[in-house]
Amino acid sequence: MLGEKNQSLTIGRLAKLAGVGIETVRYYEQRGIIQQPVSNGAVRHYPISIVDRIRFVKRAQELGFSLDEITELLRLEDGAHRQAIRSIARRRLAQVETKLCDLQRIRRALKQMLLRCEEKGIDVPCPIIATFAGRDTP
């Protein structure tokens, strides 16, 4: 990736290359997502491979996985636990599909409210406000 396999990084350089803040690196250490390296004096040196691990974590979070799920995926990354990995991914997919159904329902309701608001004249209160307030509108 960045040259030598034995290359190590300070926490600042690691954070910059991984696209996160130093606080995030420390938090991931506390959560056990990355291992805290042994320090040589006052400075810790991280293996370059941690950059990809942090990038994986951030990408998985973008896809909606929780840190607990990500930790479990990383624990299973040796390739021998594909069924467990698939199970985690299936659960996440089911959550996404549920959320999509909810979003489609919300979309339909908002479209209907907008249509009703556009149909009403200026002298009639907007049905959107009445609907959100829990009042029935004709």
N, C-alpha and C. Protein backbone atom coordinates (compact mmCIF):
# COMPACT_ATOMS: atom_id res chain seq x y z
N MET A 1 0.82 -1.19 0.00
CA MET A 1 0.00 0.00 0.00
C MET A 1 0.86 1.25 0.00
N LEU A 2 1.67 1.44 1.02
CA LEU A 2 2.50 2.64 1.11
C LEU A 2 3.98 2.30 1.09
N GLY A 3 4.34 1.23 0.48
CA GLY A 3 5.76 0.92 0.45
C GLY A 3 6.04 -0.35 1.23
N GLU A 4 6.96 -0.24 2.17
CA GLU A 4 7.41 -1.41 2.90
C GLU A 4 6.33 -1.99 3.80
N LYS A 5 6.33 -3.31 3.91
CA LYS A 5 5.39 -3.98 4.81
C LYS A 5 5.69 -3.66 6.26
N ASN A 6 6.94 -3.43 6.60
CA ASN A 6 7.34 -3.18 7.98
C ASN A 6 7.15 -1.73 8.39
N GLN A 7 6.67 -0.90 7.48
CA GLN A 7 6.48 0.50 7.78
C GLN A 7 5.46 0.65 8.90
N SER A 8 5.74 1.58 9.82
CA SER A 8 4.80 1.83 10.90
C SER A 8 4.41 3.30 10.88
N LEU A 9 3.29 3.58 11.53
CA LEU A 9 2.72 4.92 11.51
C LEU A 9 2.47 5.43 12.92
N THR A 10 2.64 6.71 13.10
CA THR A 10 2.21 7.33 14.35
C THR A 10 0.70 7.44 14.31
N ILE A 11 0.09 7.74 15.44
CA ILE A 11 -1.37 7.82 15.49
C ILE A 11 -1.89 8.93 14.58
N GLY A 12 -1.18 10.05 14.49
CA GLY A 12 -1.60 11.15 13.63
C GLY A 12 -1.57 10.77 12.17
N ARG A 13 -0.50 10.12 11.76
CA ARG A 13 -0.37 9.69 10.36
C ARG A 13 -1.40 8.61 10.03
N LEU A 14 -1.60 7.68 10.96
CA LEU A 14 -2.60 6.63 10.77
C LEU A 14 -3.98 7.25 10.57
N ALA A 15 -4.34 8.18 11.45
CA ALA A 15 -5.65 8.83 11.36
C ALA A 15 -5.82 9.53 10.02
N LYS A 16 -4.79 10.24 9.60
CA LYS A 16 -4.86 10.98 8.34
C LYS A 16 -5.03 10.04 7.14
N LEU A 17 -4.23 8.98 7.10
CA LEU A 17 -4.32 8.04 5.98
C LEU A 17 -5.65 7.29 5.95
N ALA A 18 -6.21 7.04 7.13
CA ALA A 18 -7.48 6.31 7.21
C ALA A 18 -8.68 7.24 7.05
N GLY A 19 -8.45 8.55 7.10
CA GLY A 19 -9.54 9.50 6.94
C GLY A 19 -10.40 9.67 8.17
N VAL A 20 -9.81 9.52 9.33
CA VAL A 20 -10.54 9.68 10.59
C VAL A 20 -9.74 10.60 11.51
N GLY A 21 -10.34 10.95 12.63
CA GLY A 21 -9.64 11.74 13.62
C GLY A 21 -8.85 10.86 14.58
N ILE A 22 -7.91 11.47 15.26
CA ILE A 22 -7.12 10.74 16.26
C ILE A 22 -8.03 10.16 17.34
N GLU A 23 -9.07 10.92 17.70
CA GLU A 23 -10.00 10.44 18.73
C GLU A 23 -10.69 9.16 18.28
N THR A 24 -10.97 9.04 16.99
CA THR A 24 -11.60 7.83 16.45
C THR A 24 -10.67 6.64 16.60
N VAL A 25 -9.39 6.85 16.30
CA VAL A 25 -8.42 5.76 16.45
C VAL A 25 -8.40 5.30 17.91
N ARG A 26 -8.35 6.25 18.82
CA ARG A 26 -8.33 5.90 20.25
C ARG A 26 -9.61 5.18 20.67
N TYR A 27 -10.74 5.65 20.14
CA TYR A 27 -12.02 5.00 20.45
C TYR A 27 -12.04 3.57 19.94
N TYR A 28 -11.55 3.35 18.73
CA TYR A 28 -11.50 2.00 18.18
C TYR A 28 -10.60 1.10 19.02
N GLU A 29 -9.54 1.67 19.56
CA GLU A 29 -8.68 0.90 20.47
C GLU A 29 -9.46 0.49 21.71
N GLN A 30 -10.18 1.44 22.31
CA GLN A 30 -10.96 1.17 23.51
C GLN A 30 -12.01 0.10 23.25
N ARG A 31 -12.62 0.11 22.06
CA ARG A 31 -13.65 -0.85 21.70
C ARG A 31 -13.07 -2.21 21.29
N GLY A 32 -11.75 -2.28 21.11
CA GLY A 32 -11.12 -3.53 20.70
C GLY A 32 -11.20 -3.78 19.21
N ILE A 33 -11.56 -2.75 18.44
CA ILE A 33 -11.65 -2.90 16.99
C ILE A 33 -10.26 -2.93 16.38
N ILE A 34 -9.36 -2.15 16.93
CA ILE A 34 -7.94 -2.23 16.55
C ILE A 34 -7.14 -2.42 17.82
N GLN A 35 -6.01 -3.07 17.67
CA GLN A 35 -5.15 -3.30 18.83
C GLN A 35 -4.27 -2.09 19.08
N GLN A 36 -4.13 -1.77 20.35
CA GLN A 36 -3.22 -0.70 20.73
C GLN A 36 -1.80 -1.25 20.64
N PRO A 37 -0.96 -0.61 19.85
CA PRO A 37 0.40 -1.14 19.70
C PRO A 37 1.25 -0.86 20.94
N VAL A 38 2.29 -1.63 21.05
CA VAL A 38 3.25 -1.39 22.12
C VAL A 38 4.01 -0.12 21.75
N SER A 39 4.20 0.74 22.74
CA SER A 39 4.87 2.01 22.45
C SER A 39 6.37 1.88 22.63
N ASN A 40 7.08 2.62 21.82
CA ASN A 40 8.54 2.74 21.95
C ASN A 40 8.79 4.10 22.60
N GLY A 41 8.77 4.11 23.91
CA GLY A 41 8.90 5.38 24.60
C GLY A 41 7.55 6.05 24.67
N ALA A 42 7.46 7.29 24.24
CA ALA A 42 6.21 8.05 24.33
C ALA A 42 5.34 7.91 23.09
N VAL A 43 5.89 7.35 22.01
CA VAL A 43 5.17 7.30 20.75
C VAL A 43 4.80 5.86 20.41
N ARG A 44 3.53 5.66 20.04
CA ARG A 44 3.08 4.35 19.58
C ARG A 44 3.23 4.28 18.07
N HIS A 45 3.60 3.11 17.59
CA HIS A 45 3.74 2.91 16.15
C HIS A 45 2.79 1.80 15.72
N TYR A 46 1.90 2.15 14.79
CA TYR A 46 0.87 1.24 14.29
C TYR A 46 1.34 0.60 13.00
N PRO A 47 0.99 -0.67 12.79
CA PRO A 47 1.30 -1.29 11.50
C PRO A 47 0.45 -0.66 10.40
N ILE A 48 0.98 -0.60 9.23
CA ILE A 48 0.29 0.02 8.09
C ILE A 48 -1.03 -0.69 7.78
N SER A 49 -1.14 -1.96 8.12
CA SER A 49 -2.36 -2.73 7.84
C SER A 49 -3.58 -2.18 8.58
N ILE A 50 -3.37 -1.42 9.63
CA ILE A 50 -4.48 -0.86 10.40
C ILE A 50 -5.26 0.17 9.57
N VAL A 51 -4.61 0.79 8.60
CA VAL A 51 -5.30 1.76 7.74
C VAL A 51 -6.47 1.07 7.03
N ASP A 52 -6.23 -0.07 6.43
CA ASP A 52 -7.29 -0.79 5.74
C ASP A 52 -8.38 -1.25 6.71
N ARG A 53 -8.00 -1.64 7.88
CA ARG A 53 -8.98 -2.08 8.89
C ARG A 53 -9.91 -0.92 9.26
N ILE A 54 -9.34 0.26 9.49
CA ILE A 54 -10.16 1.42 9.83
C ILE A 54 -11.04 1.80 8.65
N ARG A 55 -10.52 1.74 7.44
CA ARG A 55 -11.33 2.05 6.26
C ARG A 55 -12.50 1.08 6.14
N PHE A 56 -12.25 -0.20 6.44
CA PHE A 56 -13.32 -1.19 6.43
C PHE A 56 -14.40 -0.80 7.44
N VAL A 57 -13.98 -0.42 8.64
CA VAL A 57 -14.93 -0.05 9.69
C VAL A 57 -15.78 1.13 9.23
N LYS A 58 -15.15 2.15 8.68
CA LYS A 58 -15.89 3.33 8.24
C LYS A 58 -16.86 2.98 7.12
N ARG A 59 -16.45 2.16 6.19
CA ARG A 59 -17.33 1.78 5.07
C ARG A 59 -18.51 0.96 5.58
N ALA A 60 -18.24 0.04 6.51
CA ALA A 60 -19.32 -0.78 7.07
C ALA A 60 -20.31 0.10 7.84
N GLN A 61 -19.79 1.12 8.54
CA GLN A 61 -20.69 2.05 9.23
C GLN A 61 -21.56 2.81 8.24
N GLU A 62 -20.98 3.22 7.12
CA GLU A 62 -21.75 3.90 6.08
C GLU A 62 -22.88 3.03 5.56
N LEU A 63 -22.67 1.72 5.58
CA LEU A 63 -23.69 0.78 5.13
C LEU A 63 -24.68 0.44 6.24
N GLY A 64 -24.49 1.05 7.40
CA GLY A 64 -25.45 0.90 8.48
C GLY A 64 -25.13 -0.16 9.52
N PHE A 65 -23.98 -0.79 9.41
CA PHE A 65 -23.61 -1.78 10.42
C PHE A 65 -23.22 -1.07 11.70
N SER A 66 -23.61 -1.64 12.83
CA SER A 66 -23.22 -1.09 14.13
C SER A 66 -21.79 -1.49 14.43
N LEU A 67 -21.18 -0.80 15.38
CA LEU A 67 -19.80 -1.16 15.76
C LEU A 67 -19.75 -2.57 16.34
N ASP A 68 -20.80 -2.99 17.03
CA ASP A 68 -20.83 -4.36 17.54
C ASP A 68 -20.84 -5.37 16.39
N GLU A 69 -21.64 -5.10 15.36
CA GLU A 69 -21.68 -5.99 14.19
C GLU A 69 -20.33 -5.98 13.46
N ILE A 70 -19.73 -4.81 13.35
CA ILE A 70 -18.43 -4.69 12.68
C ILE A 70 -17.37 -5.46 13.45
N THR A 71 -17.39 -5.33 14.76
CA THR A 71 -16.44 -6.06 15.59
C THR A 71 -16.59 -7.56 15.37
N GLU A 72 -17.83 -8.02 15.30
CA GLU A 72 -18.09 -9.44 15.06
C GLU A 72 -17.60 -9.85 13.67
N LEU A 73 -17.86 -9.03 12.66
CA LEU A 73 -17.38 -9.33 11.31
C LEU A 73 -15.85 -9.44 11.29
N LEU A 74 -15.18 -8.51 11.96
CA LEU A 74 -13.72 -8.54 11.99
C LEU A 74 -13.20 -9.77 12.73
N ARG A 75 -13.91 -10.17 13.76
CA ARG A 75 -13.52 -11.36 14.51
C ARG A 75 -13.64 -12.61 13.63
N LEU A 76 -14.57 -12.57 12.68
CA LEU A 76 -14.83 -13.72 11.81
C LEU A 76 -14.08 -13.65 10.48
N GLU A 77 -13.20 -12.69 10.32
CA GLU A 77 -12.61 -12.42 9.01
C GLU A 77 -11.66 -13.48 8.49
N ASP A 78 -11.36 -14.51 9.24
CA ASP A 78 -10.41 -15.52 8.78
C ASP A 78 -10.93 -16.37 7.63
N GLY A 79 -12.21 -16.22 7.28
CA GLY A 79 -12.78 -16.94 6.14
C GLY A 79 -13.41 -18.27 6.51
N ALA A 80 -13.21 -18.73 7.73
CA ALA A 80 -13.76 -20.01 8.15
C ALA A 80 -15.19 -19.88 8.68
N HIS A 81 -15.67 -18.68 8.79
CA HIS A 81 -16.97 -18.43 9.41
C HIS A 81 -17.95 -17.75 8.45
N ARG A 82 -17.97 -18.20 7.24
CA ARG A 82 -18.81 -17.54 6.23
C ARG A 82 -20.29 -17.56 6.59
N GLN A 83 -20.75 -18.63 7.19
CA GLN A 83 -22.17 -18.71 7.55
C GLN A 83 -22.52 -17.63 8.58
N ALA A 84 -21.66 -17.42 9.55
CA ALA A 84 -21.90 -16.38 10.57
C ALA A 84 -21.86 -14.99 9.94
N ILE A 85 -20.95 -14.78 9.02
CA ILE A 85 -20.85 -13.50 8.33
C ILE A 85 -22.11 -13.26 7.50
N ARG A 86 -22.55 -14.29 6.79
CA ARG A 86 -23.79 -14.16 6.00
C ARG A 86 -24.98 -13.86 6.89
N SER A 87 -25.01 -14.45 8.05
CA SER A 87 -26.11 -14.21 8.99
C SER A 87 -26.16 -12.75 9.42
N ILE A 88 -25.02 -12.18 9.71
CA ILE A 88 -24.95 -10.76 10.08
C ILE A 88 -25.40 -9.89 8.91
N ALA A 89 -24.92 -10.21 7.72
CA ALA A 89 -25.30 -9.44 6.53
C ALA A 89 -26.79 -9.58 6.24
N ARG A 90 -27.35 -10.77 6.43
CA ARG A 90 -28.79 -10.96 6.20
C ARG A 90 -29.62 -10.12 7.18
N ARG A 91 -29.19 -10.10 8.44
CA ARG A 91 -29.90 -9.29 9.43
C ARG A 91 -29.88 -7.82 9.03
N ARG A 92 -28.72 -7.35 8.57
CA ARG A 92 -28.61 -5.95 8.15
C ARG A 92 -29.50 -5.71 6.93
N LEU A 93 -29.52 -6.62 5.98
CA LEU A 93 -30.37 -6.49 4.80
C LEU A 93 -31.84 -6.41 5.20
N ALA A 94 -32.27 -7.24 6.14
CA ALA A 94 -33.65 -7.20 6.61
C ALA A 94 -33.98 -5.85 7.24
N GLN A 95 -33.03 -5.29 7.99
CA GLN A 95 -33.23 -3.96 8.57
C GLN A 95 -33.38 -2.91 7.48
N VAL A 96 -32.54 -3.00 6.46
CA VAL A 96 -32.60 -2.04 5.35
C VAL A 96 -33.94 -2.16 4.63
N GLU A 97 -34.38 -3.38 4.37
CA GLU A 97 -35.64 -3.58 3.67
C GLU A 97 -36.82 -3.04 4.49
N THR A 98 -36.79 -3.23 5.80
CA THR A 98 -37.83 -2.67 6.67
C THR A 98 -37.82 -1.16 6.60
N LYS A 99 -36.63 -0.59 6.65
CA LYS A 99 -36.52 0.87 6.58
C LYS A 99 -37.01 1.40 5.25
N LEU A 100 -36.70 0.68 4.16
CA LEU A 100 -37.18 1.09 2.84
C LEU A 100 -38.71 1.08 2.78
N CYS A 101 -39.33 0.07 3.36
CA CYS A 101 -40.80 0.02 3.40
C CYS A 101 -41.34 1.22 4.17
N ASP A 102 -40.71 1.51 5.31
CA ASP A 102 -41.14 2.67 6.10
C ASP A 102 -40.98 3.96 5.31
N LEU A 103 -39.86 4.10 4.62
CA LEU A 103 -39.61 5.31 3.83
C LEU A 103 -40.61 5.43 2.68
N GLN A 104 -40.97 4.32 2.06
CA GLN A 104 -41.96 4.35 0.98
C GLN A 104 -43.33 4.76 1.52
N ARG A 105 -43.68 4.27 2.71
CA ARG A 105 -44.94 4.65 3.34
C ARG A 105 -44.95 6.15 3.65
N ILE A 106 -43.85 6.65 4.18
CA ILE A 106 -43.72 8.08 4.48
C ILE A 106 -43.81 8.90 3.20
N ARG A 107 -43.17 8.42 2.15
CA ARG A 107 -43.19 9.12 0.86
C ARG A 107 -44.63 9.24 0.33
N ARG A 108 -45.35 8.13 0.38
CA ARG A 108 -46.74 8.16 -0.08
C ARG A 108 -47.58 9.14 0.73
N ALA A 109 -47.42 9.12 2.05
CA ALA A 109 -48.19 10.02 2.92
C ALA A 109 -47.86 11.48 2.64
N LEU A 110 -46.58 11.78 2.47
CA LEU A 110 -46.19 13.17 2.18
C LEU A 110 -46.71 13.62 0.82
N LYS A 111 -46.63 12.76 -0.18
CA LYS A 111 -47.16 13.10 -1.50
C LYS A 111 -48.65 13.40 -1.41
N GLN A 112 -49.37 12.57 -0.66
CA GLN A 112 -50.81 12.76 -0.52
C GLN A 112 -51.11 14.08 0.21
N MET A 113 -50.35 14.38 1.25
CA MET A 113 -50.56 15.63 1.96
C MET A 113 -50.25 16.83 1.07
N LEU A 114 -49.19 16.73 0.27
CA LEU A 114 -48.87 17.83 -0.64
C LEU A 114 -49.97 18.05 -1.67
N LEU A 115 -50.49 16.97 -2.21
CA LEU A 115 -51.59 17.09 -3.17
C LEU A 115 -52.80 17.76 -2.53
N ARG A 116 -53.12 17.35 -1.31
CA ARG A 116 -54.26 17.94 -0.62
C ARG A 116 -54.01 19.41 -0.33
N CYS A 117 -52.78 19.76 -0.02
CA CYS A 117 -52.44 21.16 0.27
C CYS A 117 -52.57 22.00 -1.00
N GLU A 118 -52.14 21.43 -2.13
CA GLU A 118 -52.21 22.16 -3.40
C GLU A 118 -53.65 22.33 -3.88
N GLU A 119 -54.52 21.39 -3.52
CA GLU A 119 -55.92 21.46 -3.93
C GLU A 119 -56.70 22.52 -3.16
N LYS A 120 -56.27 22.80 -1.95
CA LYS A 120 -56.97 23.76 -1.10
C LYS A 120 -56.65 25.18 -1.54
N GLY A 121 -57.58 26.09 -1.28
CA GLY A 121 -57.35 27.49 -1.60
C GLY A 121 -56.52 28.17 -0.53
N ILE A 122 -56.11 29.38 -0.81
CA ILE A 122 -55.28 30.15 0.11
C ILE A 122 -56.02 30.44 1.42
N ASP A 123 -57.33 30.58 1.34
CA ASP A 123 -58.11 30.93 2.53
C ASP A 123 -58.36 29.74 3.46
N VAL A 124 -57.95 28.53 3.06
CA VAL A 124 -58.16 27.32 3.87
C VAL A 124 -56.80 26.92 4.49
N PRO A 125 -56.80 26.58 5.78
CA PRO A 125 -55.53 26.17 6.40
C PRO A 125 -54.92 24.97 5.69
N CYS A 126 -53.63 24.94 5.68
CA CYS A 126 -52.90 23.86 5.02
C CYS A 126 -53.17 22.52 5.72
N PRO A 127 -53.60 21.50 4.98
CA PRO A 127 -53.89 20.20 5.60
C PRO A 127 -52.64 19.50 6.14
N ILE A 128 -51.47 19.89 5.69
CA ILE A 128 -50.24 19.27 6.20
C ILE A 128 -50.10 19.57 7.69
N ILE A 129 -50.28 20.83 8.06
CA ILE A 129 -50.16 21.23 9.46
C ILE A 129 -51.22 20.52 10.29
N ALA A 130 -52.44 20.49 9.78
CA ALA A 130 -53.54 19.83 10.50
C ALA A 130 -53.27 18.34 10.68
N THR A 131 -52.74 17.71 9.65
CA THR A 131 -52.43 16.28 9.73
C THR A 131 -51.36 16.00 10.77
N PHE A 132 -50.30 16.80 10.76
CA PHE A 132 -49.22 16.62 11.73
C PHE A 132 -49.71 16.89 13.15
N ALA A 133 -50.69 17.78 13.28
CA ALA A 133 -51.24 18.08 14.59
C ALA A 133 -52.25 17.02 15.05
N GLY A 134 -52.58 16.09 14.17
CA GLY A 134 -53.48 15.00 14.53
C GLY A 134 -54.95 15.34 14.30
N ARG A 135 -55.20 16.41 13.58
CA ARG A 135 -56.58 16.79 13.27
C ARG A 135 -56.94 16.22 11.90
N ASP A 136 -58.16 15.74 11.77
CA ASP A 136 -58.64 15.27 10.47
C ASP A 136 -58.96 16.48 9.61
N THR A 137 -58.64 16.38 8.33
CA THR A 137 -58.97 17.44 7.39
C THR A 137 -59.86 16.86 6.31
N PRO A 138 -60.82 17.63 5.86
CA PRO A 138 -61.71 17.12 4.80
C PRO A 138 -61.01 16.97 3.49
